[in-house]
Amino acid sequence: MKKLDSNQDKELLLEELKHLRKENKKLASQKDKIKAKYDKTKKELKKKDVRKITLTDEQSRFLSSLFPDIDSLL
């Protein structure tokens, strides 16, 4: 009786292993697709040379007083 139980456990473990390998392959594929998309977007941003400007609150208030419409641009 013990051999039968250990055989069933072994089969369940093998099925679980197959399932996990299949899922791992699927996730690896998704990761590759996302990485390719990320790299493509990164190249496009590099081409456009987009720079982010960070202002302090004081600088922001000063610019707002000089140019009232600048808040819509920031």
N, C-alpha and C. Protein backbone atom coordinates (compact mmCIF):
# COMPACT_ATOMS: atom_id res chain seq x y z
N MET A 1 0.82 -1.19 0.00
CA MET A 1 0.00 0.00 0.00
C MET A 1 0.87 1.26 0.00
N LYS A 2 1.97 1.21 0.69
CA LYS A 2 2.86 2.37 0.74
C LYS A 2 3.42 2.70 -0.63
N LYS A 3 3.76 1.70 -1.40
CA LYS A 3 4.32 1.93 -2.73
C LYS A 3 3.32 2.66 -3.62
N LEU A 4 2.07 2.31 -3.51
CA LEU A 4 1.03 2.94 -4.31
C LEU A 4 0.93 4.42 -3.96
N ASP A 5 0.96 4.74 -2.68
CA ASP A 5 0.87 6.14 -2.27
C ASP A 5 2.09 6.94 -2.74
N SER A 6 3.26 6.35 -2.61
CA SER A 6 4.47 7.07 -3.03
C SER A 6 4.48 7.26 -4.55
N ASN A 7 3.91 6.29 -5.26
CA ASN A 7 3.81 6.41 -6.72
C ASN A 7 2.89 7.56 -7.09
N GLN A 8 1.76 7.66 -6.41
CA GLN A 8 0.82 8.75 -6.68
C GLN A 8 1.45 10.09 -6.34
N ASP A 9 2.16 10.16 -5.22
CA ASP A 9 2.83 11.40 -4.85
C ASP A 9 3.85 11.80 -5.91
N LYS A 10 4.57 10.81 -6.40
CA LYS A 10 5.58 11.05 -7.41
C LYS A 10 4.93 11.60 -8.68
N GLU A 11 3.80 11.02 -9.08
CA GLU A 11 3.09 11.47 -10.27
C GLU A 11 2.57 12.89 -10.09
N LEU A 12 2.03 13.17 -8.91
CA LEU A 12 1.54 14.53 -8.64
C LEU A 12 2.68 15.54 -8.70
N LEU A 13 3.81 15.17 -8.14
CA LEU A 13 4.95 16.06 -8.17
C LEU A 13 5.46 16.28 -9.60
N LEU A 14 5.46 15.23 -10.39
CA LEU A 14 5.88 15.37 -11.79
C LEU A 14 4.92 16.25 -12.58
N GLU A 15 3.63 16.10 -12.32
CA GLU A 15 2.64 16.95 -12.98
C GLU A 15 2.82 18.41 -12.58
N GLU A 16 3.05 18.62 -11.30
CA GLU A 16 3.26 19.98 -10.80
C GLU A 16 4.53 20.57 -11.42
N LEU A 17 5.56 19.77 -11.53
CA LEU A 17 6.81 20.21 -12.15
C LEU A 17 6.59 20.61 -13.61
N LYS A 18 5.84 19.80 -14.35
CA LYS A 18 5.53 20.13 -15.75
C LYS A 18 4.77 21.44 -15.82
N HIS A 19 3.79 21.59 -14.93
CA HIS A 19 2.97 22.80 -14.90
C HIS A 19 3.85 24.03 -14.61
N LEU A 20 4.73 23.90 -13.64
CA LEU A 20 5.59 25.03 -13.27
C LEU A 20 6.58 25.38 -14.38
N ARG A 21 7.10 24.37 -15.05
CA ARG A 21 8.01 24.64 -16.17
C ARG A 21 7.29 25.37 -17.30
N LYS A 22 6.06 24.95 -17.56
CA LYS A 22 5.26 25.58 -18.61
C LYS A 22 4.98 27.05 -18.24
N GLU A 23 4.61 27.26 -16.99
CA GLU A 23 4.33 28.63 -16.52
C GLU A 23 5.60 29.48 -16.55
N ASN A 24 6.73 28.89 -16.19
CA ASN A 24 8.00 29.60 -16.21
C ASN A 24 8.36 30.04 -17.62
N LYS A 25 8.14 29.15 -18.59
CA LYS A 25 8.41 29.46 -19.98
C LYS A 25 7.52 30.62 -20.45
N LYS A 26 6.25 30.59 -20.05
CA LYS A 26 5.31 31.64 -20.42
C LYS A 26 5.75 32.98 -19.84
N LEU A 27 6.14 32.99 -18.56
CA LEU A 27 6.58 34.21 -17.91
C LEU A 27 7.87 34.75 -18.52
N ALA A 28 8.77 33.85 -18.89
CA ALA A 28 10.01 34.28 -19.53
C ALA A 28 9.72 34.96 -20.87
N SER A 29 8.76 34.41 -21.59
CA SER A 29 8.37 34.99 -22.87
C SER A 29 7.78 36.39 -22.66
N GLN A 30 6.92 36.53 -21.67
CA GLN A 30 6.33 37.84 -21.36
C GLN A 30 7.42 38.84 -20.97
N LYS A 31 8.38 38.37 -20.19
CA LYS A 31 9.47 39.23 -19.74
C LYS A 31 10.26 39.74 -20.95
N ASP A 32 10.54 38.85 -21.90
CA ASP A 32 11.28 39.24 -23.10
C ASP A 32 10.51 40.28 -23.91
N LYS A 33 9.20 40.10 -24.03
CA LYS A 33 8.38 41.06 -24.77
C LYS A 33 8.40 42.42 -24.09
N ILE A 34 8.26 42.43 -22.78
CA ILE A 34 8.25 43.69 -22.03
C ILE A 34 9.61 44.37 -22.13
N LYS A 35 10.67 43.60 -22.04
CA LYS A 35 12.02 44.18 -22.13
C LYS A 35 12.25 44.79 -23.51
N ALA A 36 11.78 44.12 -24.55
CA ALA A 36 11.93 44.64 -25.91
C ALA A 36 11.16 45.96 -26.05
N LYS A 37 9.96 46.00 -25.49
CA LYS A 37 9.16 47.22 -25.56
C LYS A 37 9.83 48.35 -24.78
N TYR A 38 10.38 48.00 -23.62
CA TYR A 38 11.08 48.99 -22.79
C TYR A 38 12.29 49.55 -23.53
N ASP A 39 13.08 48.67 -24.14
CA ASP A 39 14.26 49.11 -24.87
C ASP A 39 13.88 50.01 -26.04
N LYS A 40 12.81 49.65 -26.74
CA LYS A 40 12.35 50.46 -27.88
C LYS A 40 11.93 51.85 -27.41
N THR A 41 11.18 51.91 -26.33
CA THR A 41 10.73 53.19 -25.80
C THR A 41 11.91 54.03 -25.31
N LYS A 42 12.86 53.37 -24.69
CA LYS A 42 14.05 54.07 -24.20
C LYS A 42 14.82 54.69 -25.36
N LYS A 43 14.95 53.94 -26.47
CA LYS A 43 15.63 54.47 -27.65
C LYS A 43 14.89 55.68 -28.21
N GLU A 44 13.56 55.60 -28.27
CA GLU A 44 12.76 56.70 -28.81
C GLU A 44 12.94 57.95 -27.95
N LEU A 45 12.93 57.79 -26.63
CA LEU A 45 13.12 58.94 -25.76
C LEU A 45 14.53 59.52 -25.91
N LYS A 46 15.50 58.65 -26.11
CA LYS A 46 16.86 59.12 -26.30
C LYS A 46 16.97 59.94 -27.58
N LYS A 47 16.26 59.49 -28.64
CA LYS A 47 16.27 60.21 -29.90
C LYS A 47 15.67 61.61 -29.73
N LYS A 48 14.61 61.68 -28.94
CA LYS A 48 13.92 62.96 -28.73
C LYS A 48 14.68 63.85 -27.75
N ASP A 49 15.60 63.25 -26.99
CA ASP A 49 16.40 63.97 -26.00
C ASP A 49 15.49 64.73 -25.02
N VAL A 50 14.57 64.00 -24.45
CA VAL A 50 13.63 64.59 -23.49
C VAL A 50 14.34 64.76 -22.16
N ARG A 51 14.25 65.96 -21.62
CA ARG A 51 14.86 66.23 -20.32
C ARG A 51 13.78 66.69 -19.35
N LYS A 52 13.89 66.22 -18.16
CA LYS A 52 12.91 66.59 -17.14
C LYS A 52 13.50 67.70 -16.29
N ILE A 53 12.73 68.73 -16.10
CA ILE A 53 13.19 69.85 -15.29
C ILE A 53 12.50 69.77 -13.94
N THR A 54 13.29 69.85 -12.89
CA THR A 54 12.75 69.82 -11.54
C THR A 54 12.93 71.20 -10.92
N LEU A 55 11.83 71.73 -10.42
CA LEU A 55 11.87 73.05 -9.80
C LEU A 55 11.53 72.94 -8.32
N THR A 56 12.13 73.81 -7.54
CA THR A 56 11.75 73.89 -6.13
C THR A 56 10.45 74.67 -6.06
N ASP A 57 9.80 74.63 -4.92
CA ASP A 57 8.55 75.39 -4.75
C ASP A 57 8.79 76.88 -4.92
N GLU A 58 9.90 77.35 -4.41
CA GLU A 58 10.23 78.77 -4.53
C GLU A 58 10.42 79.17 -5.99
N GLN A 59 11.13 78.37 -6.74
CA GLN A 59 11.33 78.65 -8.16
C GLN A 59 10.00 78.63 -8.91
N SER A 60 9.17 77.67 -8.57
CA SER A 60 7.87 77.55 -9.22
C SER A 60 7.00 78.78 -8.96
N ARG A 61 6.99 79.25 -7.71
CA ARG A 61 6.20 80.45 -7.37
C ARG A 61 6.73 81.68 -8.11
N PHE A 62 8.06 81.79 -8.17
CA PHE A 62 8.66 82.92 -8.85
C PHE A 62 8.30 82.93 -10.34
N LEU A 63 8.42 81.78 -10.99
CA LEU A 63 8.06 81.70 -12.39
C LEU A 63 6.58 81.96 -12.61
N SER A 64 5.75 81.50 -11.67
CA SER A 64 4.31 81.73 -11.78
C SER A 64 3.98 83.21 -11.68
N SER A 65 4.73 83.91 -10.86
CA SER A 65 4.45 85.35 -10.73
C SER A 65 4.89 86.10 -11.99
N LEU A 66 5.97 85.64 -12.61
CA LEU A 66 6.44 86.29 -13.84
C LEU A 66 5.59 85.92 -15.05
N PHE A 67 5.25 84.64 -15.13
CA PHE A 67 4.49 84.12 -16.27
C PHE A 67 3.29 83.34 -15.74
N PRO A 68 2.13 83.95 -15.63
CA PRO A 68 0.95 83.27 -15.06
C PRO A 68 0.54 82.00 -15.81
N ASP A 69 0.84 81.92 -17.09
CA ASP A 69 0.43 80.74 -17.88
C ASP A 69 1.39 79.57 -17.75
N ILE A 70 2.49 79.75 -17.07
CA ILE A 70 3.50 78.69 -17.02
C ILE A 70 3.04 77.46 -16.25
N ASP A 71 2.10 77.62 -15.33
CA ASP A 71 1.61 76.47 -14.56
C ASP A 71 1.02 75.40 -15.45
N SER A 72 0.42 75.80 -16.55
CA SER A 72 -0.17 74.82 -17.46
C SER A 72 0.91 74.04 -18.21
N LEU A 73 2.11 74.59 -18.31
CA LEU A 73 3.20 73.93 -19.01
C LEU A 73 3.97 72.98 -18.10
N LEU A 74 3.95 73.22 -16.81
CA LEU A 74 4.71 72.39 -15.88
C LEU A 74 3.95 71.23 -15.44
